Protein backbone atom coordinates (compact mmCIF):
# COMPACT_ATOMS: atom_id res chain seq x y z
CA MET A 1 0.04 -0.05 -0.15
CA ILE A 2 1.26 3.37 -0.92
CA ARG A 3 0.64 6.34 1.68
CA ALA A 4 1.45 9.91 1.28
CA TYR A 5 2.76 12.24 3.93
CA LYS A 6 3.12 16.20 3.88
CA PHE A 7 5.17 18.17 6.09
CA LEU A 8 5.96 21.95 6.39
CA LEU A 9 9.34 22.96 5.68
CA ARG A 10 11.49 25.63 7.58
CA PRO A 11 14.00 26.95 4.92
CA THR A 12 16.75 29.59 5.57
CA VAL A 13 16.20 32.91 3.24
CA ARG A 14 18.94 31.63 0.95
CA GLN A 15 17.06 27.97 0.71
CA GLN A 16 13.80 29.96 -0.09
CA GLN A 17 15.75 31.66 -2.69
CA ALA A 18 17.31 28.29 -4.21
CA LEU A 19 13.72 26.53 -3.88
CA ALA A 20 12.22 29.40 -5.96
CA GLU A 21 14.98 29.15 -8.54
CA MET A 22 14.45 25.44 -8.51
CA LEU A 23 10.79 25.90 -9.50
CA ARG A 24 11.67 28.54 -11.95
CA ASP A 25 14.27 26.43 -13.82
CA HIS A 26 11.85 23.55 -13.98
CA CYS A 27 9.20 25.64 -15.11
CA SER A 28 11.56 27.24 -18.11
CA LEU A 29 12.31 23.50 -18.86
CA TYR A 30 8.63 22.40 -18.96
CA ASN A 31 8.00 25.56 -21.18
CA GLY A 32 10.76 25.01 -23.57
CA ALA A 33 9.55 21.23 -23.91
CA LEU A 34 6.21 22.20 -24.75
CA GLN A 35 7.41 25.02 -27.24
CA GLU A 36 9.50 22.19 -28.95
CA ARG A 37 6.47 20.01 -29.25
CA ARG A 38 4.42 22.81 -30.73
CA ASP A 39 6.87 23.81 -33.32
CA ALA A 40 7.66 20.43 -34.52
CA TRP A 41 4.05 19.53 -34.93
CA ARG A 42 3.49 22.94 -36.98
CA HIS A 43 6.37 22.35 -39.22
CA PRO A 44 5.20 20.97 -42.62
CA SER A 45 6.67 17.54 -41.71
CA LYS A 46 4.30 17.36 -38.81
CA THR A 47 7.19 15.89 -36.63
CA THR A 48 6.05 14.07 -33.33
CA VAL A 49 8.27 14.58 -30.43
CA ALA A 50 8.09 12.14 -27.80
CA TYR A 51 9.40 12.00 -24.09
CA GLY A 52 12.40 9.75 -24.94
CA MET A 53 13.64 12.38 -27.62
CA GLN A 54 13.48 15.08 -25.18
CA SER A 55 14.98 13.13 -22.16
CA ALA A 56 17.96 12.44 -24.27
CA GLN A 57 18.56 15.94 -24.77
CA LEU A 58 18.94 16.86 -21.09
CA LYS A 59 22.71 16.08 -21.05
CA GLU A 60 23.19 18.90 -23.62
CA ILE A 61 20.89 21.15 -21.95
CA ARG A 62 22.75 20.66 -18.71
CA ALA A 63 26.13 21.13 -20.21
CA PHE A 64 25.07 24.27 -22.26
CA ASP A 65 23.50 26.06 -19.15
CA PRO A 66 25.39 24.70 -15.87
CA GLU A 67 24.46 27.70 -13.89
CA ARG A 68 20.67 26.97 -14.10
CA GLN A 69 19.58 23.66 -15.50
CA GLY A 70 23.02 21.87 -14.56
CA ARG A 71 22.41 22.76 -10.77
CA TRP A 72 19.43 20.41 -10.45
CA SER A 73 18.72 16.83 -10.24
CA PHE A 74 18.71 15.16 -13.58
CA SER A 75 15.86 12.84 -12.32
CA SER A 76 13.62 15.78 -11.36
CA GLN A 77 14.16 17.09 -14.70
CA GLN A 78 13.11 13.88 -16.26
CA ALA A 79 10.06 13.97 -13.92
CA THR A 80 9.12 17.17 -15.28
CA LEU A 81 9.38 16.08 -18.83
CA ARG A 82 7.28 13.11 -17.85
CA ARG A 83 4.69 15.69 -16.59
CA LEU A 84 4.38 17.14 -19.86
CA ASP A 85 4.16 13.90 -21.76
CA LYS A 86 1.18 13.07 -19.40
CA ALA A 87 -0.61 16.19 -20.11
CA PHE A 88 -0.20 15.44 -23.89
CA ALA A 89 -1.55 11.84 -23.32
CA ALA A 90 -4.42 13.11 -21.47
CA PHE A 91 -5.20 15.42 -24.21
CA PHE A 92 -5.14 13.06 -27.18
CA ARG A 93 -7.32 10.63 -25.04
CA ARG A 94 -9.78 13.45 -24.62
CA VAL A 95 -9.71 14.00 -28.32
CA ARG A 96 -10.11 10.48 -29.15
CA SER A 97 -13.29 10.28 -26.70
CA GLY A 98 -14.71 13.60 -28.13
CA GLN A 99 -14.33 15.50 -24.99
CA THR A 100 -13.25 19.16 -24.80
CA PRO A 101 -9.56 18.66 -25.30
CA GLY A 102 -7.74 21.28 -23.41
CA TYR A 103 -4.33 21.59 -25.12
CA PRO A 104 -1.37 21.78 -22.81
CA ARG A 105 -0.61 25.22 -21.73
CA PHE A 106 2.47 27.22 -20.86
CA ARG A 107 3.20 27.69 -17.23
CA GLY A 108 3.99 31.14 -15.60
CA VAL A 109 6.49 30.84 -12.78
CA ASN A 110 3.71 31.35 -10.22
CA TRP A 111 1.75 28.62 -11.70
CA PHE A 112 4.57 25.95 -11.45
CA ASP A 113 4.52 25.06 -7.71
CA THR A 114 6.03 21.34 -7.68
CA VAL A 115 8.97 19.42 -8.41
CA ASP A 116 9.13 15.64 -8.06
CA PHE A 117 12.03 13.45 -7.33
CA PRO A 118 11.01 9.77 -8.45
CA LYS A 119 13.40 8.18 -6.02
CA ASP A 120 14.46 8.99 -2.50
CA GLY A 121 18.47 9.11 -2.70
CA ASP A 122 18.50 10.21 -6.22
CA GLY A 123 18.76 14.25 -5.94
CA CYS A 124 17.07 14.27 -2.74
CA ARG A 125 17.52 12.33 0.67
CA TRP A 126 14.77 12.20 3.17
CA ASN A 127 16.04 12.25 6.90
CA ALA A 128 19.43 13.08 5.38
CA THR A 129 20.86 13.74 9.08
CA PRO A 130 19.53 11.08 11.26
CA HIS A 131 21.84 11.78 14.01
CA ASP A 132 20.17 15.16 14.52
CA PRO A 133 17.18 15.24 16.37
CA VAL A 134 15.89 17.66 13.86
CA THR A 135 14.55 16.01 10.73
CA ARG A 136 15.98 17.43 7.25
CA VAL A 137 15.78 16.75 3.83
CA ARG A 138 18.34 17.20 1.33
CA PHE A 139 17.72 18.63 -2.26
CA GLN A 140 20.38 18.86 -4.79
CA GLY A 141 21.40 22.48 -5.28
CA VAL A 142 19.37 23.82 -2.14
CA GLY A 143 21.17 21.81 0.67
CA HIS A 144 19.42 20.30 4.00
CA VAL A 145 16.26 21.74 4.92
CA LYS A 146 14.57 21.71 8.22
CA VAL A 147 11.38 19.76 8.58
CA ASN A 148 8.46 20.12 10.93
CA GLN A 149 7.59 16.41 11.01
CA HIS A 150 4.59 15.94 13.09
CA ARG A 151 4.04 12.23 12.95
CA PRO A 152 6.32 9.53 12.12
CA VAL A 153 6.70 8.13 8.65
CA ALA A 154 5.95 4.31 8.36
CA GLY A 155 7.44 2.24 5.44
CA ARG A 156 9.93 2.78 2.82
CA VAL A 157 10.03 6.30 1.35
CA LYS A 158 9.66 5.71 -2.52
CA THR A 159 9.27 9.28 -3.93
CA VAL A 160 9.82 12.81 -2.73
CA SER A 161 8.22 16.30 -3.93
CA VAL A 162 8.81 19.75 -2.90
CA LYS A 163 5.65 22.15 -3.21
CA ARG A 164 5.05 25.58 -2.55
CA GLU A 165 1.73 26.92 -1.30
CA GLY A 166 1.75 30.68 -1.14
CA ARG A 167 4.72 31.69 0.74
CA ARG A 168 5.16 28.32 2.59
CA TRP A 169 7.00 25.29 1.41
CA PHE A 170 6.06 21.78 2.05
CA VAL A 171 7.77 18.45 1.25
CA VAL A 172 5.33 15.55 0.05
CA LEU A 173 6.61 11.62 0.69
CA THR A 174 5.18 8.48 -0.70
CA ALA A 175 5.94 5.48 1.65
CA GLU A 176 5.49 2.01 0.59
CA GLN A 177 3.53 0.25 3.57
CA GLU A 178 2.33 -3.38 4.53
CA GLN A 179 -1.55 -3.74 3.81
CA PRO A 180 -3.21 -3.00 7.21
CA GLU A 181 -5.25 -5.73 8.93
CA PRO A 182 -8.96 -5.25 7.91
CA LEU A 183 -11.56 -4.33 10.30
CA PRO A 184 -13.80 -7.07 11.78
CA ALA A 185 -16.65 -7.61 9.68
CA THR A 186 -20.01 -6.25 10.86
CA GLY A 187 -22.43 -7.60 8.17
CA SER A 188 -23.84 -4.32 7.57
CA MET A 189 -24.00 -1.93 4.69
CA VAL A 190 -24.91 1.84 4.45
CA GLY A 191 -25.93 4.07 1.40
CA ILE A 192 -24.48 7.59 1.34
CA ASP A 193 -25.99 10.69 -0.57
CA LEU A 194 -23.84 13.63 -0.61
CA GLY A 195 -25.70 16.87 -0.67
CA ILE A 196 -25.55 20.84 -0.30
CA ALA A 197 -28.22 21.43 2.38
CA ASN A 198 -26.47 18.56 4.37
CA PHE A 199 -23.18 17.41 3.94
CA LEU A 200 -24.06 13.69 3.86
CA ALA A 201 -27.44 11.71 4.51
CA ASP A 202 -27.31 8.01 5.06
CA SER A 203 -29.58 5.23 4.45
CA ASN A 204 -30.28 4.92 8.28
CA GLY A 205 -31.75 8.25 8.19
CA GLU A 206 -28.80 10.17 9.86
CA PHE A 207 -27.52 13.57 8.62
CA VAL A 208 -24.23 15.07 8.75
CA PRO A 209 -24.55 19.13 8.65
CA ASN A 210 -22.77 20.90 6.34
CA PRO A 211 -20.17 23.27 8.26
CA ARG A 212 -20.40 26.08 5.73
CA HIS A 213 -16.56 26.92 6.28
CA GLY A 214 -16.97 29.29 3.20
CA ARG A 215 -19.83 31.06 4.38
CA THR A 216 -18.04 31.34 7.92
CA ALA A 217 -15.00 32.90 6.30
CA ALA A 218 -17.18 35.09 3.70
CA ALA A 219 -16.76 38.29 5.51
CA LYS A 220 -12.96 38.20 5.97
CA LEU A 221 -12.64 37.08 2.37
CA GLN A 222 -14.73 40.07 0.91
CA ALA A 223 -12.65 42.46 2.83
CA ALA A 224 -9.40 40.85 1.58
CA GLN A 225 -10.46 40.84 -1.69
CA GLN A 226 -11.63 44.68 -1.84
CA ALA A 227 -8.34 45.58 -0.38
CA LEU A 228 -6.67 43.42 -3.35
CA SER A 229 -9.02 44.98 -5.90
CA ARG A 230 -7.32 48.73 -4.92
CA PHE A 231 -4.16 47.66 -6.71
CA PRO A 232 -3.82 47.16 -10.38
CA ARG A 233 -2.88 43.83 -12.08
CA ARG A 234 0.81 43.23 -11.92
CA LYS A 235 3.20 40.48 -12.28
CA ALA A 236 4.60 39.02 -9.13
CA THR A 237 7.97 40.62 -9.62
CA ASP A 238 6.23 44.00 -10.33
CA ARG A 239 4.00 44.09 -7.11
CA THR A 240 4.89 46.51 -4.06
CA ALA A 241 5.10 45.26 -0.78
CA GLY A 242 1.51 46.29 0.16
CA HIS A 243 0.16 44.67 -2.89
CA GLN A 244 2.01 41.39 -2.16
CA ARG A 245 0.66 41.39 1.38
CA ALA A 246 -2.96 41.59 0.00
CA VAL A 247 -2.27 38.86 -2.58
CA ASP A 248 -0.95 36.40 0.32
CA LYS A 249 -4.08 37.38 2.76
CA VAL A 250 -6.63 36.37 0.06
CA ALA A 251 -4.23 33.28 -0.73
CA GLN A 252 -4.32 32.33 3.06
CA LEU A 253 -7.85 32.57 3.68
CA HIS A 254 -8.68 30.15 0.81
CA GLY A 255 -6.11 27.78 1.81
CA LYS A 256 -7.77 27.84 5.47
CA VAL A 257 -11.23 27.08 4.05
CA ARG A 258 -9.85 24.48 1.84
CA ARG A 259 -7.85 22.75 4.63
CA GLN A 260 -11.20 23.02 6.84
CA ARG A 261 -13.23 21.30 4.15
CA LEU A 262 -10.73 18.42 3.65
CA ASP A 263 -10.50 17.96 7.61
CA HIS A 264 -14.08 17.73 7.95
CA ALA A 265 -14.59 15.22 5.00
CA HIS A 266 -11.82 13.14 6.17
CA LYS A 267 -13.42 12.91 10.06
CA THR A 268 -16.77 12.16 8.41
CA ALA A 269 -15.36 9.41 6.21
CA LEU A 270 -13.39 7.67 9.21
CA SER A 271 -16.70 7.67 11.35
CA LEU A 272 -18.32 5.55 8.58
CA ASN A 273 -16.22 2.59 9.15
CA THR A 274 -18.63 0.76 11.20
CA SER A 275 -19.91 -0.76 7.86
CA ASP A 276 -18.49 -3.45 5.68
CA LEU A 277 -19.77 -1.98 2.47
CA GLY A 278 -20.79 1.90 1.45
CA TRP A 279 -22.40 2.97 -1.47
CA TRP A 280 -22.51 6.65 -2.42
CA LEU A 281 -25.08 8.26 -5.06
CA VAL A 282 -23.87 10.06 -8.10
CA GLY A 283 -25.73 12.40 -10.30
CA CYS A 284 -26.10 11.91 -14.15
CA VAL A 285 -26.96 14.73 -16.61
CA ALA A 286 -27.13 14.10 -20.27
CA GLY A 287 -25.48 10.64 -19.56
CA ARG A 288 -22.50 11.97 -17.83
CA CYS A 289 -22.18 11.10 -14.09
CA ARG A 290 -20.52 12.73 -11.18
CA ASP A 291 -20.67 13.27 -7.45
CA ALA A 292 -23.73 15.26 -6.52
CA THR A 293 -22.20 17.74 -4.32
CA ALA A 294 -20.17 20.91 -4.52
CA GLY A 295 -17.58 19.47 -2.14
CA SER A 296 -17.05 16.15 -4.13
CA GLY A 297 -13.42 16.49 -4.40
CA GLU A 298 -12.96 16.44 -0.41
CA ALA A 299 -15.45 13.82 -0.07
CA GLY A 300 -13.46 11.65 -2.65
CA ASP A 301 -10.42 11.93 -0.62
CA GLY A 302 -12.55 10.85 2.59
CA ARG A 303 -14.04 7.90 0.66
CA ALA A 304 -10.48 6.86 -0.25
CA VAL A 305 -9.43 6.86 3.56
CA VAL A 306 -12.38 4.53 4.38
CA GLY A 307 -11.56 2.12 1.49
CA SER A 308 -7.80 1.98 1.87
CA HIS A 309 -7.02 2.69 5.43
CA ARG A 310 -9.79 1.30 7.28
CA GLY A 311 -10.01 -1.89 4.85
CA ARG A 312 -13.65 -1.40 3.90
CA ALA A 313 -15.14 -1.34 0.56
CA VAL A 314 -16.84 1.83 -1.10
CA ASP A 315 -18.72 2.02 -4.43
CA ALA A 316 -20.35 4.64 -6.58
CA VAL A 317 -24.11 3.95 -7.62
CA VAL A 318 -26.29 5.72 -10.19
CA PRO A 319 -29.85 6.05 -8.86
CA ALA A 320 -32.38 4.29 -10.81
CA GLY A 321 -33.62 6.17 -13.71
CA ALA A 322 -30.89 8.87 -13.65
CA GLY A 323 -29.47 9.94 -16.83
CA GLY A 324 -31.88 7.65 -18.55
CA SER A 325 -30.26 4.33 -17.33
CA GLY A 326 -31.00 2.17 -14.59
CA GLY A 327 -29.14 1.96 -11.22
CA GLY A 328 -26.19 0.15 -10.69
CA PRO A 329 -22.30 0.31 -9.63
CA VAL A 330 -20.43 2.79 -11.49
CA ARG A 331 -16.69 2.05 -10.39
CA GLU A 332 -15.30 0.77 -7.12
CA VAL A 333 -12.91 3.14 -5.54
CA ARG A 334 -10.95 0.69 -3.13
CA ALA A 335 -12.00 -2.67 -2.25
CA ALA A 336 -11.05 -4.21 1.19
């Protein structure tokens, strides 16, 4: 079983600058690879550029620009190219299925917030100073960065990612663990309907109220957005100190609401582990089915917790007659 851990980083001022430069250079690599693919396809020869061809150019790129591209991990740069390759694969998949394609776009430096390291020990090292009571993670070109490790990491660390959220930095780990022992069977099942007036209603007639975190923070968010609207739109490099503080305030409030919603969804999902099997209803419009709730993203994360961490099974069901088709299972999220 693969499980993810997310910890807050405590970088120094120089390390923050190095982390920002790492994101900038990986963003430049991503955009350059995207431009190469576009130009090759627009050429009369209609040449297709694949990941393997671009990955083979990395050695020359690093030798040509040792101060920027040559500073960082070769494997992390390959992961950035794979990220672009996955974006194109998803684009062509949507074209074939008749959906709105959504061609991969160029990324601004403020819209490129994650760098992946495919293997612990290759360009990065988790717990790089085991003799030190303070946990540190080492990134090539950055150094040993302090980590606010609030819980132990179980299992073997496989991948490491560094992520920027506003002015804060995080490290995200994926660890391989043994499958946990399933909870004892109870012989019961429960149906779940995610809603808006109530966060959740189950087949036993119980309701979980919607906490309305967004509505609670609406007044503060309105004041912060009004303060931000007084500044003209500028690039991040051209903003004044007051403008940047206003931007950070709005981002901070949105981030708090998101974390509150996610926390509520996880806690609600963990409270449903008394049943062996859970079903949730999805809504269908014009033959397309999706979760019938505005908070389906957070609720989906919670359902995954029920399915994997607690050893229960969770399935999706289309209500009878919805979308012109009969009811029945749609897909299985995770089986016990």
